[in-house]
Each structure stands twice: as structure tokens, then as C-alpha cells.
């Protein structure tokens, strides 16, 4: 039962995390029940430990730099513009 409460709190946090009307501090303390000490440890992890264990160039090596490694689906600048203009609608009495 406690697990379902934790999942619901986490889901509520995620639903509001990108909403600019709520601070992440408020959401973390209210929904995730993080303490000031938890928040300090999280901040330390963001500033120091993540850089140590997940350096910026590691994201590129893992394919996290904007696509899947080895996946070239073509396209880009060499593709011709094949989009056709939208058809014009007829107008007249009774037509919108």
C-alpha cells in the first residue's frame, strides 16, 4: 500500500515538474517528501558527482546526443521539398 502512495506522489511530481508555476523545491518537499538534507545531497550530486560519473562527452558516446547510435534514417538538407500546397476550398452559398 505504501508503494502505491509513493508511486502516486512521484506521478504527481512528474505531472507538475515542468510547470513554471511551481518550484521544483516545493514539489520535491511536498510530493517526494525530501528534506533539506536530501535537497543538499541532490544538489551536490548535480554539481559534482554527475560530472564525475557522467561527463558531458559520455552522453555522446552513449548516443544521448540527439539520436540513436548508428541510426541514419536519411533526410536532412538533401531531401527535396515535396509538400504540396493545401487545396483551396470552394466558397459559395451554404459552404464554409
C-alpha atoms as a PDB file:
ATOM      1  CA  UNK A   1       0.000   0.000   0.000  1.00  0.00           C
ATOM      2  CA  UNK A   2       2.839   2.397   0.836  1.00  0.00           C
ATOM      3  CA  UNK A   3       4.342   1.637  -2.580  1.00  0.00           C
ATOM      4  CA  UNK A   4       1.179   2.840  -4.323  1.00  0.00           C
ATOM      5  CA  UNK A   5       1.257   6.059  -2.290  1.00  0.00           C
ATOM      6  CA  UNK A   6       4.879   6.619  -3.280  1.00  0.00           C
ATOM      7  CA  UNK A   7       4.070   5.979  -6.931  1.00  0.00           C
ATOM      8  CA  UNK A   8       1.177   8.445  -6.800  1.00  0.00           C
ATOM      9  CA  UNK A   9       3.356  11.125  -5.177  1.00  0.00           C
ATOM     10  CA  UNK A  10       6.032  10.563  -7.831  1.00  0.00           C
ATOM     11  CA  UNK A  11       3.431  10.740 -10.621  1.00  0.00           C
ATOM     12  CA  UNK A  12       2.061  13.983  -9.173  1.00  0.00           C
ATOM     13  CA  UNK A  13       5.581  15.420  -9.006  1.00  0.00           C
ATOM     14  CA  UNK A  14       6.270  14.471 -12.630  1.00  0.00           C
ATOM     15  CA  UNK A  15       2.974  15.933 -13.788  1.00  0.00           C
ATOM     16  CA  UNK A  16       3.889  19.333 -12.344  1.00  0.00           C
ATOM     17  CA  UNK A  17       7.707  19.388 -12.629  1.00  0.00           C
ATOM     18  CA  UNK A  18       7.799  21.256 -15.958  1.00  0.00           C
ATOM     19  CA  UNK A  19       5.083  23.699 -14.949  1.00  0.00           C
ATOM     20  CA  UNK A  20       6.732  27.116 -14.381  1.00  0.00           C
ATOM     21  CA  UNK A  21       4.117  27.994 -11.763  1.00  0.00           C
ATOM     22  CA  UNK A  22       5.636  25.517  -9.284  1.00  0.00           C
ATOM     23  CA  UNK A  23       9.155  25.477  -7.931  1.00  0.00           C
ATOM     24  CA  UNK A  24      10.927  22.160  -8.026  1.00  0.00           C
ATOM     25  CA  UNK A  25      11.895  22.741  -4.410  1.00  0.00           C
ATOM     26  CA  UNK A  26       8.231  22.921  -3.413  1.00  0.00           C
ATOM     27  CA  UNK A  27       7.313  19.865  -5.472  1.00  0.00           C
ATOM     28  CA  UNK A  28      10.234  17.838  -4.120  1.00  0.00           C
ATOM     29  CA  UNK A  29       9.455  18.686  -0.497  1.00  0.00           C
ATOM     30  CA  UNK A  30       5.697  18.325  -0.863  1.00  0.00           C
ATOM     31  CA  UNK A  31       5.279  15.325  -3.164  1.00  0.00           C
ATOM     32  CA  UNK A  32       8.596  13.486  -2.790  1.00  0.00           C
ATOM     33  CA  UNK A  33       8.913  14.397   0.898  1.00  0.00           C
ATOM     34  CA  UNK A  34      12.565  15.328   0.534  1.00  0.00           C
ATOM     35  CA  UNK A  35      14.197  17.035   3.499  1.00  0.00           C
ATOM     36  CA  UNK A  36      16.590  19.970   3.333  1.00  0.00           C
ATOM     37  CA  UNK A  37      19.438  17.466   3.772  1.00  0.00           C
ATOM     38  CA  UNK A  38      18.099  15.387   0.868  1.00  0.00           C
ATOM     39  CA  UNK A  39      17.955  18.501  -1.296  1.00  0.00           C
ATOM     40  CA  UNK A  40      21.543  19.435  -0.369  1.00  0.00           C
ATOM     41  CA  UNK A  41      22.766  15.941  -1.273  1.00  0.00           C
ATOM     42  CA  UNK A  42      20.864  16.100  -4.552  1.00  0.00           C
ATOM     43  CA  UNK A  43      22.435  19.483  -5.355  1.00  0.00           C
ATOM     44  CA  UNK A  44      25.874  18.097  -4.534  1.00  0.00           C
ATOM     45  CA  UNK A  45      25.198  15.206  -6.897  1.00  0.00           C
ATOM     46  CA  UNK A  46      24.125  17.543  -9.668  1.00  0.00           C
ATOM     47  CA  UNK A  47      27.169  19.770  -9.344  1.00  0.00           C
ATOM     48  CA  UNK A  48      29.940  17.289  -8.596  1.00  0.00           C
ATOM     49  CA  UNK A  49      29.086  13.640  -8.759  1.00  0.00           C
ATOM     50  CA  UNK A  50      27.157  13.669 -12.041  1.00  0.00           C
ATOM     51  CA  UNK A  51      30.093  15.371 -13.749  1.00  0.00           C
ATOM     52  CA  UNK A  52      32.418  12.754 -12.285  1.00  0.00           C
ATOM     53  CA  UNK A  53      30.365   9.710 -13.257  1.00  0.00           C
ATOM     54  CA  UNK A  54      28.512  11.120 -16.285  1.00  0.00           C
ATOM     55  CA  UNK A  55      30.897  13.505 -18.059  1.00  0.00           C
ATOM     56  CA  UNK A  56      29.411  15.512 -20.959  1.00  0.00           C
ATOM     57  CA  UNK A  57      31.304  13.533 -23.633  1.00  0.00           C
ATOM     58  CA  UNK A  58      29.893  10.272 -22.208  1.00  0.00           C
ATOM     59  CA  UNK A  59      26.440  11.302 -23.392  1.00  0.00           C
ATOM     60  CA  UNK A  60      27.704  11.483 -26.969  1.00  0.00           C
ATOM     61  CA  UNK A  61      29.457   8.132 -26.652  1.00  0.00           C
ATOM     62  CA  UNK A  62      26.254   6.555 -25.354  1.00  0.00           C
ATOM     63  CA  UNK A  63      24.218   8.049 -28.188  1.00  0.00           C
ATOM     64  CA  UNK A  64      22.400  10.504 -25.952  1.00  0.00           C
ATOM     65  CA  UNK A  65      23.403  13.479 -28.041  1.00  0.00           C
ATOM     66  CA  UNK A  66      20.259  13.665 -30.106  1.00  0.00           C
ATOM     67  CA  UNK A  67      19.734  10.279 -31.671  1.00  0.00           C
ATOM     68  CA  UNK A  68      20.410   6.590 -31.589  1.00  0.00           C
ATOM     69  CA  UNK A  69      23.944   5.459 -32.343  1.00  0.00           C
ATOM     70  CA  UNK A  70      24.274   4.106 -35.855  1.00  0.00           C
ATOM     71  CA  UNK A  71      20.742   5.096 -36.801  1.00  0.00           C
ATOM     72  CA  UNK A  72      20.803   7.087 -40.017  1.00  0.00           C
ATOM     73  CA  UNK A  73      17.310   7.421 -41.346  1.00  0.00           C
ATOM     74  CA  UNK A  74      18.294   9.706 -44.188  1.00  0.00           C
ATOM     75  CA  UNK A  75      16.615  13.028 -44.788  1.00  0.00           C
ATOM     76  CA  UNK A  76      18.061  16.344 -43.882  1.00  0.00           C
ATOM     77  CA  UNK A  77      19.088  19.025 -46.356  1.00  0.00           C
ATOM     78  CA  UNK A  78      19.333  16.713 -49.361  1.00  0.00           C
ATOM     79  CA  UNK A  79      15.626  15.918 -49.286  1.00  0.00           C
ATOM     80  CA  UNK A  80      13.579  17.812 -51.869  1.00  0.00           C
ATOM     81  CA  UNK A  81      10.594  19.834 -50.720  1.00  0.00           C
ATOM     82  CA  UNK A  82       7.706  17.614 -51.770  1.00  0.00           C
ATOM     83  CA  UNK A  83       4.994  19.164 -49.645  1.00  0.00           C
ATOM     84  CA  UNK A  84       2.097  20.220 -51.812  1.00  0.00           C
ATOM     85  CA  UNK A  85       0.187  23.407 -51.016  1.00  0.00           C
ATOM     86  CA  UNK A  86      -3.208  22.855 -49.383  1.00  0.00           C
ATOM     87  CA  UNK A  87      -6.164  22.687 -51.710  1.00  0.00           C
ATOM     88  CA  UNK A  88      -8.338  25.770 -51.823  1.00  0.00           C
ATOM     89  CA  UNK A  89     -11.871  25.209 -50.693  1.00  0.00           C
ATOM     90  CA  UNK A  90     -14.764  26.274 -52.854  1.00  0.00           C
ATOM     91  CA  UNK A  91     -16.868  29.061 -51.489  1.00  0.00           C
ATOM     92  CA  UNK A  92     -20.456  29.879 -52.157  1.00  0.00           C
ATOM     93  CA  UNK A  93     -23.885  29.793 -50.586  1.00  0.00           C
ATOM     94  CA  UNK A  94     -24.076  27.147 -47.887  1.00  0.00           C
ATOM     95  CA  UNK A  95     -20.335  26.342 -47.966  1.00  0.00           C
ATOM     96  CA  UNK A  96     -17.956  27.326 -45.182  1.00  0.00           C
END
